[in-house]
Amino acid sequence: WLAGLMLLLVGASYGQSSIEFIPMAGYTFPDKLNLYQSFGRISGGLNLGGSFQFNFSRHFGLELMYNRMDAPAKMYDYGSSPAQAPIYQTQSGTNYIMVGPVSSVQVPGSPVHLFFGALLGAAIYTPGPDNFSSNAGFAWVLQTGANIYFTQRLGLRISARLLAAEAPSQG
């Protein structure tokens, strides 16, 4: 799960269309990965990134998102517990590149716009200091939240995201 707090900057508007730049920061909760004859634990951590949202109308846009998370990762043999020493540990880096539709509805008489969307893309796992190759897998996001506009060009985005990624194949 990812709960993010993002600043929303709205670009030049032409008719009903606009471009928004959304820098973001959030927290990703820890997770367990099942691998062949072992399991891994990725610690929670800060993630940073940003989005461009191309709004075709007041209620519909297309979001292009980049997000990066760095977190400690440890691998254990099955049958052991996370309290035992890991068989391998590294600093993992995951880059998410996603695109998808976002729909929004303005709360009547308010600067608040509620939104929801679904994005598809890739999770690119970068190597640790003693690994020499990257892996990539399919990823998806479900998101919801609110944009609160202070002016026509500046606002705050509060969101929650469920981000899921396919584990890299073992080869």
Protein backbone atom coordinates (compact mmCIF):
# COMPACT_ATOMS: atom_id res chain seq x y z
CA TRP A 1 0.00 0.00 0.00
CA LEU A 2 1.13 3.43 -0.76
CA ALA A 3 -0.24 6.53 0.85
CA GLY A 4 1.11 9.59 -0.86
CA LEU A 5 0.96 13.29 -0.36
CA MET A 6 1.61 15.21 -3.53
CA LEU A 7 1.81 18.83 -4.62
CA LEU A 8 -0.23 19.53 -7.72
CA LEU A 9 0.88 22.13 -10.26
CA VAL A 10 -1.47 22.85 -13.13
CA GLY A 11 0.08 23.91 -16.44
CA ALA A 12 -1.30 26.16 -19.13
CA SER A 13 -4.95 25.58 -19.90
CA TYR A 14 -6.41 25.64 -23.39
CA GLY A 15 -10.19 25.31 -23.36
CA GLN A 16 -11.06 22.26 -21.29
CA SER A 17 -7.62 20.65 -21.50
CA SER A 18 -4.67 21.14 -19.16
CA ILE A 19 -1.42 19.53 -18.08
CA GLU A 20 -0.67 18.93 -14.41
CA PHE A 21 2.75 18.21 -12.93
CA ILE A 22 2.46 16.26 -9.68
CA PRO A 23 5.64 15.74 -7.61
CA MET A 24 5.09 13.02 -5.02
CA ALA A 25 6.47 11.45 -1.89
CA GLY A 26 5.00 8.59 0.09
CA TYR A 27 5.62 5.51 2.19
CA THR A 28 5.51 1.90 1.02
CA PHE A 29 4.77 -0.77 3.60
CA PRO A 30 7.04 -3.86 3.96
CA ASP A 31 6.26 -7.02 1.99
CA LYS A 32 7.25 -10.68 1.67
CA LEU A 33 8.17 -12.26 -1.67
CA ASN A 34 8.02 -16.01 -2.28
CA LEU A 35 10.88 -17.26 -4.44
CA TYR A 36 12.07 -20.71 -5.47
CA GLN A 37 13.24 -22.51 -2.26
CA SER A 38 13.50 -19.20 -0.39
CA PHE A 39 11.58 -16.09 0.53
CA GLY A 40 12.50 -12.45 0.66
CA ARG A 41 11.47 -9.53 2.83
CA ILE A 42 11.56 -5.97 1.55
CA SER A 43 11.46 -3.33 4.26
CA GLY A 44 9.11 -0.38 4.07
CA GLY A 45 10.50 2.89 2.92
CA LEU A 46 10.19 6.30 1.39
CA ASN A 47 9.34 6.55 -2.28
CA LEU A 48 9.71 9.59 -4.51
CA GLY A 49 8.57 10.40 -8.01
CA GLY A 50 6.20 12.42 -10.08
CA SER A 51 3.45 12.40 -12.66
CA PHE A 52 2.29 14.32 -15.66
CA GLN A 53 -1.44 14.26 -16.07
CA PHE A 54 -2.85 15.28 -19.46
CA ASN A 55 -6.46 16.34 -18.85
CA PHE A 56 -8.64 16.04 -21.92
CA SER A 57 -11.63 17.49 -20.03
CA ARG A 58 -12.48 18.58 -16.48
CA HIS A 59 -13.40 15.00 -15.63
CA PHE A 60 -10.94 12.77 -17.53
CA GLY A 61 -7.19 12.63 -17.97
CA LEU A 62 -4.27 10.35 -18.77
CA GLU A 63 -1.53 10.05 -16.13
CA LEU A 64 2.10 9.17 -16.84
CA MET A 65 3.81 8.28 -13.55
CA TYR A 66 7.38 7.55 -12.43
CA ASN A 67 8.08 6.38 -8.88
CA ARG A 68 11.24 5.08 -7.18
CA MET A 69 11.58 3.15 -3.95
CA ASP A 70 14.83 2.19 -2.24
CA ALA A 71 14.61 -0.25 0.67
CA PRO A 72 16.70 -2.92 2.40
CA ALA A 73 15.95 -6.43 1.11
CA LYS A 74 16.85 -9.75 2.74
CA MET A 75 16.52 -13.35 1.54
CA TYR A 76 15.95 -16.39 3.78
CA ASP A 77 15.78 -20.16 3.26
CA TYR A 78 12.30 -21.65 3.68
CA GLY A 79 11.90 -22.96 7.20
CA SER A 80 13.85 -20.09 8.74
CA SER A 81 12.31 -17.04 10.35
CA PRO A 82 13.08 -13.36 9.73
CA ALA A 83 14.65 -13.31 13.23
CA GLN A 84 17.43 -15.57 11.89
CA ALA A 85 20.35 -14.25 9.87
CA PRO A 86 19.49 -13.86 6.17
CA ILE A 87 21.36 -15.84 3.49
CA TYR A 88 21.61 -12.66 1.40
CA GLN A 89 20.91 -8.98 1.90
CA THR A 90 21.16 -5.90 -0.30
CA GLN A 91 19.68 -2.47 -0.90
CA SER A 92 16.88 -2.91 -3.44
CA GLY A 93 15.79 -0.23 -5.85
CA THR A 94 12.51 -0.41 -7.75
CA ASN A 95 11.50 2.01 -10.50
CA TYR A 96 7.86 2.09 -11.55
CA ILE A 97 6.85 3.54 -14.92
CA MET A 98 3.08 3.55 -15.35
CA VAL A 99 0.34 5.05 -17.54
CA GLY A 100 -3.43 5.03 -17.29
CA PRO A 101 -6.74 6.91 -17.15
CA VAL A 102 -7.79 9.11 -14.23
CA SER A 103 -11.33 10.30 -13.70
CA SER A 104 -12.32 13.16 -11.38
CA VAL A 105 -15.45 14.78 -10.00
CA GLN A 106 -15.61 18.22 -8.41
CA VAL A 107 -17.40 18.51 -5.08
CA PRO A 108 -20.09 21.13 -5.83
CA GLY A 109 -19.20 24.62 -4.56
CA SER A 110 -15.76 23.47 -3.42
CA PRO A 111 -12.14 23.53 -4.66
CA VAL A 112 -11.98 19.77 -3.97
CA HIS A 113 -11.90 17.31 -6.88
CA LEU A 114 -12.22 13.61 -5.98
CA PHE A 115 -10.38 11.25 -8.35
CA PHE A 116 -9.81 7.58 -9.06
CA GLY A 117 -7.76 5.75 -11.65
CA ALA A 118 -5.98 2.61 -12.75
CA LEU A 119 -2.48 2.54 -14.21
CA LEU A 120 -0.51 -0.21 -15.97
CA GLY A 121 3.20 -0.41 -16.62
CA ALA A 122 6.50 -1.89 -15.54
CA ALA A 123 8.47 -2.38 -12.33
CA ILE A 124 12.20 -2.28 -13.03
CA TYR A 125 14.28 -3.81 -10.26
CA THR A 126 17.76 -2.29 -10.20
CA PRO A 127 20.71 -4.35 -9.05
CA GLY A 128 22.34 -4.08 -5.66
CA PRO A 129 26.04 -3.30 -5.26
CA ASP A 130 27.08 -6.94 -5.90
CA ASN A 131 24.61 -7.75 -8.68
CA PHE A 132 25.13 -6.96 -12.37
CA SER A 133 21.72 -7.22 -14.05
CA SER A 134 18.31 -5.58 -13.82
CA ASN A 135 14.98 -7.35 -14.05
CA ALA A 136 11.57 -6.03 -15.03
CA GLY A 137 8.02 -7.18 -14.47
CA PHE A 138 4.45 -6.13 -15.07
CA ALA A 139 2.95 -3.69 -12.52
CA TRP A 140 -0.43 -2.09 -11.89
CA VAL A 141 -1.91 0.61 -9.65
CA LEU A 142 -5.37 1.39 -8.32
CA GLN A 143 -5.58 4.89 -6.86
CA THR A 144 -8.07 7.26 -5.28
CA GLY A 145 -7.91 10.56 -3.48
CA ALA A 146 -8.61 14.27 -3.66
CA ASN A 147 -7.07 17.27 -5.38
CA ILE A 148 -7.54 20.45 -3.34
CA TYR A 149 -6.91 23.53 -5.47
CA PHE A 150 -5.69 26.72 -3.74
CA THR A 151 -5.59 28.65 -7.03
CA GLN A 152 -6.22 27.69 -10.65
CA ARG A 153 -2.57 26.63 -10.96
CA LEU A 154 -1.63 25.28 -7.51
CA GLY A 155 -3.11 22.58 -5.33
CA LEU A 156 -2.43 19.64 -3.06
CA ARG A 157 -3.11 15.98 -3.90
CA ILE A 158 -3.84 13.50 -1.13
CA SER A 159 -4.01 9.94 -2.37
CA ALA A 160 -3.92 6.26 -1.52
CA ARG A 161 -2.54 3.72 -3.98
CA LEU A 162 -2.52 -0.03 -4.19
CA LEU A 163 0.54 -0.85 -6.25
CA ALA A 164 1.29 -4.44 -7.23
CA ALA A 165 4.20 -5.76 -9.25
CA GLU A 166 5.09 -9.14 -10.69
CA ALA A 167 8.21 -10.62 -9.10
CA PRO A 168 11.12 -10.93 -11.53
CA SER A 169 11.49 -14.35 -13.10
CA GLN A 170 14.17 -16.64 -11.74
CA GLY A 171 16.47 -17.80 -14.46
